[in-house]
Amino acid sequence: MDNTIYITDENGKEIKMNILFTFDYDDDRYVIVYEDGKDDDLYPFKYDEDGHLFAVEDEEELSIVNEVLSAFEGDDEE
């Protein structure tokens, strides 16, 4: 399975991103990605059944993403 996607930035440049993980919350699907070679900066997106990505900007959704990330990072420490 390929864990790589390409995201086009606002300047039209394609950026190679790696998928850290995906998760579902209620009826929404989320993916956490990081730029190839830069795993310190994580970017959350929502995605639909067609694979279209949407930036997560809502404070409540960002809070949910942060909770899941904290749980994920806690799993690595065990």
N, C-alpha and C. Protein backbone atom coordinates (compact mmCIF):
# COMPACT_ATOMS: atom_id res chain seq x y z
N MET A 1 0.84 -1.18 0.00
CA MET A 1 0.00 0.00 0.00
C MET A 1 0.89 1.25 0.00
N ASP A 2 0.56 2.18 -0.88
CA ASP A 2 1.32 3.41 -0.99
C ASP A 2 0.75 4.44 -0.02
N ASN A 3 1.60 4.96 0.83
CA ASN A 3 1.18 5.95 1.83
C ASN A 3 1.61 7.35 1.44
N THR A 4 1.66 7.62 0.13
CA THR A 4 2.09 8.91 -0.37
C THR A 4 0.97 9.56 -1.16
N ILE A 5 0.79 10.87 -0.95
CA ILE A 5 -0.13 11.64 -1.77
C ILE A 5 0.59 12.92 -2.18
N TYR A 6 0.06 13.57 -3.18
CA TYR A 6 0.60 14.85 -3.64
C TYR A 6 -0.47 15.90 -3.44
N ILE A 7 -0.07 16.99 -2.80
CA ILE A 7 -0.97 18.10 -2.55
C ILE A 7 -0.45 19.30 -3.31
N THR A 8 -1.34 20.00 -4.00
CA THR A 8 -0.95 21.19 -4.74
C THR A 8 -1.14 22.40 -3.85
N ASP A 9 -0.07 23.19 -3.68
CA ASP A 9 -0.16 24.37 -2.83
C ASP A 9 -0.79 25.53 -3.59
N GLU A 10 -0.92 26.68 -2.92
CA GLU A 10 -1.58 27.84 -3.51
C GLU A 10 -0.82 28.41 -4.71
N ASN A 11 0.44 28.03 -4.89
CA ASN A 11 1.23 28.49 -6.03
C ASN A 11 1.24 27.48 -7.18
N GLY A 12 0.50 26.39 -7.02
CA GLY A 12 0.43 25.37 -8.05
C GLY A 12 1.54 24.34 -7.99
N LYS A 13 2.36 24.40 -6.96
CA LYS A 13 3.46 23.44 -6.80
C LYS A 13 2.94 22.18 -6.11
N GLU A 14 3.30 21.01 -6.66
CA GLU A 14 2.93 19.75 -6.04
C GLU A 14 3.94 19.40 -4.95
N ILE A 15 3.41 19.05 -3.79
CA ILE A 15 4.25 18.69 -2.65
C ILE A 15 3.96 17.23 -2.28
N LYS A 16 5.03 16.45 -2.19
CA LYS A 16 4.88 15.05 -1.81
C LYS A 16 4.63 14.98 -0.31
N MET A 17 3.55 14.32 0.07
CA MET A 17 3.18 14.17 1.47
C MET A 17 3.05 12.69 1.79
N ASN A 18 3.41 12.35 3.02
CA ASN A 18 3.25 10.99 3.51
C ASN A 18 2.07 10.94 4.47
N ILE A 19 1.31 9.89 4.38
CA ILE A 19 0.16 9.71 5.27
C ILE A 19 0.65 9.08 6.56
N LEU A 20 0.44 9.78 7.68
CA LEU A 20 0.79 9.22 8.98
C LEU A 20 -0.29 8.22 9.40
N PHE A 21 -1.56 8.66 9.37
CA PHE A 21 -2.68 7.77 9.63
C PHE A 21 -3.98 8.46 9.25
N THR A 22 -5.03 7.69 9.18
CA THR A 22 -6.38 8.20 8.94
C THR A 22 -7.25 7.78 10.12
N PHE A 23 -8.33 8.51 10.32
CA PHE A 23 -9.30 8.12 11.33
C PHE A 23 -10.66 8.69 10.99
N ASP A 24 -11.69 8.06 11.53
CA ASP A 24 -13.07 8.52 11.37
C ASP A 24 -13.55 9.07 12.69
N TYR A 25 -14.33 10.13 12.61
CA TYR A 25 -14.96 10.69 13.81
C TYR A 25 -16.36 11.11 13.41
N ASP A 26 -17.35 10.56 14.07
CA ASP A 26 -18.75 10.72 13.68
C ASP A 26 -18.87 10.31 12.22
N ASP A 27 -19.36 11.17 11.37
CA ASP A 27 -19.50 10.83 9.96
C ASP A 27 -18.38 11.42 9.09
N ASP A 28 -17.35 11.95 9.71
CA ASP A 28 -16.26 12.59 8.97
C ASP A 28 -15.02 11.71 8.95
N ARG A 29 -14.24 11.85 7.89
CA ARG A 29 -12.98 11.12 7.74
C ARG A 29 -11.84 12.12 7.74
N TYR A 30 -10.77 11.77 8.43
CA TYR A 30 -9.62 12.65 8.55
C TYR A 30 -8.36 11.89 8.15
N VAL A 31 -7.38 12.66 7.65
CA VAL A 31 -6.07 12.12 7.34
C VAL A 31 -5.04 13.09 7.89
N ILE A 32 -4.01 12.54 8.50
CA ILE A 32 -2.89 13.34 9.02
C ILE A 32 -1.71 13.06 8.10
N VAL A 33 -1.14 14.12 7.53
CA VAL A 33 -0.03 13.97 6.60
C VAL A 33 1.15 14.83 7.02
N TYR A 34 2.31 14.50 6.47
CA TYR A 34 3.50 15.32 6.68
C TYR A 34 4.30 15.33 5.39
N GLU A 35 5.02 16.44 5.20
CA GLU A 35 5.81 16.59 4.00
C GLU A 35 6.96 15.60 4.01
N ASP A 36 7.25 15.05 2.86
CA ASP A 36 8.31 14.07 2.72
C ASP A 36 9.61 14.63 3.31
N GLY A 37 10.16 13.94 4.30
CA GLY A 37 11.40 14.34 4.93
C GLY A 37 11.25 15.35 6.05
N LYS A 38 10.02 15.76 6.34
CA LYS A 38 9.79 16.77 7.39
C LYS A 38 8.67 16.28 8.31
N ASP A 39 8.94 15.24 9.09
CA ASP A 39 7.89 14.65 9.90
C ASP A 39 7.59 15.39 11.20
N ASP A 40 8.21 16.56 11.40
CA ASP A 40 7.89 17.37 12.58
C ASP A 40 6.63 18.22 12.39
N ASP A 41 6.28 18.51 11.14
CA ASP A 41 5.11 19.32 10.83
C ASP A 41 4.00 18.44 10.29
N LEU A 42 2.93 18.31 11.07
CA LEU A 42 1.80 17.48 10.68
C LEU A 42 0.65 18.35 10.21
N TYR A 43 -0.05 17.89 9.18
CA TYR A 43 -1.17 18.64 8.61
C TYR A 43 -2.42 17.78 8.58
N PRO A 44 -3.50 18.24 9.22
CA PRO A 44 -4.74 17.48 9.19
C PRO A 44 -5.65 17.94 8.04
N PHE A 45 -6.31 16.99 7.41
CA PHE A 45 -7.30 17.27 6.38
C PHE A 45 -8.51 16.38 6.60
N LYS A 46 -9.66 16.86 6.21
CA LYS A 46 -10.84 16.01 6.08
C LYS A 46 -10.84 15.53 4.65
N TYR A 47 -11.45 14.38 4.41
CA TYR A 47 -11.58 13.93 3.03
C TYR A 47 -12.93 13.26 2.83
N ASP A 48 -13.38 13.30 1.58
CA ASP A 48 -14.68 12.71 1.26
C ASP A 48 -14.48 11.36 0.57
N GLU A 49 -15.59 10.73 0.19
CA GLU A 49 -15.53 9.39 -0.40
C GLU A 49 -14.83 9.38 -1.76
N ASP A 50 -14.69 10.56 -2.38
CA ASP A 50 -13.99 10.65 -3.66
C ASP A 50 -12.51 10.99 -3.48
N GLY A 51 -12.07 11.15 -2.23
CA GLY A 51 -10.67 11.44 -1.95
C GLY A 51 -10.30 12.92 -2.00
N HIS A 52 -11.29 13.79 -2.10
CA HIS A 52 -11.01 15.23 -2.09
C HIS A 52 -10.65 15.68 -0.68
N LEU A 53 -9.60 16.48 -0.57
CA LEU A 53 -9.12 16.96 0.72
C LEU A 53 -9.67 18.34 1.03
N PHE A 54 -9.93 18.58 2.32
CA PHE A 54 -10.42 19.86 2.81
C PHE A 54 -9.63 20.23 4.07
N ALA A 55 -9.12 21.44 4.10
CA ALA A 55 -8.35 21.89 5.26
C ALA A 55 -9.22 21.87 6.51
N VAL A 56 -8.64 21.47 7.61
CA VAL A 56 -9.34 21.50 8.91
C VAL A 56 -9.01 22.84 9.55
N GLU A 57 -10.01 23.70 9.63
CA GLU A 57 -9.81 25.04 10.18
C GLU A 57 -10.71 25.35 11.37
N ASP A 58 -11.77 24.57 11.53
CA ASP A 58 -12.70 24.77 12.63
C ASP A 58 -12.03 24.41 13.96
N GLU A 59 -12.17 25.27 14.95
CA GLU A 59 -11.51 25.06 16.25
C GLU A 59 -11.94 23.75 16.91
N GLU A 60 -13.21 23.41 16.81
CA GLU A 60 -13.70 22.17 17.41
C GLU A 60 -13.08 20.95 16.72
N GLU A 61 -13.00 21.00 15.40
CA GLU A 61 -12.38 19.89 14.67
C GLU A 61 -10.89 19.80 14.97
N LEU A 62 -10.22 20.94 15.06
CA LEU A 62 -8.79 20.93 15.40
C LEU A 62 -8.57 20.33 16.78
N SER A 63 -9.48 20.59 17.70
CA SER A 63 -9.39 20.01 19.03
C SER A 63 -9.50 18.49 18.97
N ILE A 64 -10.41 18.00 18.16
CA ILE A 64 -10.58 16.55 17.98
C ILE A 64 -9.32 15.95 17.39
N VAL A 65 -8.78 16.59 16.36
CA VAL A 65 -7.55 16.11 15.72
C VAL A 65 -6.41 16.07 16.74
N ASN A 66 -6.28 17.11 17.54
CA ASN A 66 -5.21 17.16 18.54
C ASN A 66 -5.35 16.06 19.58
N GLU A 67 -6.59 15.75 19.98
CA GLU A 67 -6.82 14.65 20.93
C GLU A 67 -6.37 13.32 20.33
N VAL A 68 -6.73 13.09 19.08
CA VAL A 68 -6.35 11.84 18.41
C VAL A 68 -4.84 11.77 18.25
N LEU A 69 -4.22 12.89 17.87
CA LEU A 69 -2.75 12.91 17.74
C LEU A 69 -2.07 12.61 19.07
N SER A 70 -2.59 13.18 20.14
CA SER A 70 -2.02 12.92 21.47
C SER A 70 -2.12 11.45 21.82
N ALA A 71 -3.25 10.84 21.53
CA ALA A 71 -3.43 9.40 21.79
C ALA A 71 -2.48 8.59 20.93
N PHE A 72 -2.32 8.98 19.66
CA PHE A 72 -1.43 8.28 18.75
C PHE A 72 0.01 8.37 19.24
N GLU A 73 0.44 9.55 19.62
CA GLU A 73 1.80 9.75 20.11
C GLU A 73 2.02 8.99 21.42
N GLY A 74 0.98 8.89 22.25
CA GLY A 74 1.08 8.12 23.48
C GLY A 74 1.28 6.65 23.22
N ASP A 75 0.71 6.14 22.12
CA ASP A 75 0.90 4.74 21.74
C ASP A 75 2.34 4.44 21.41
N ASP A 76 3.05 5.42 20.83
CA ASP A 76 4.46 5.22 20.48
C ASP A 76 5.34 5.08 21.70
N GLU A 77 4.94 5.70 22.81
CA GLU A 77 5.77 5.70 24.01
C GLU A 77 5.65 4.41 24.81
N GLU A 78 4.63 3.63 24.54
CA GLU A 78 4.40 2.39 25.32
C GLU A 78 5.24 1.26 24.79
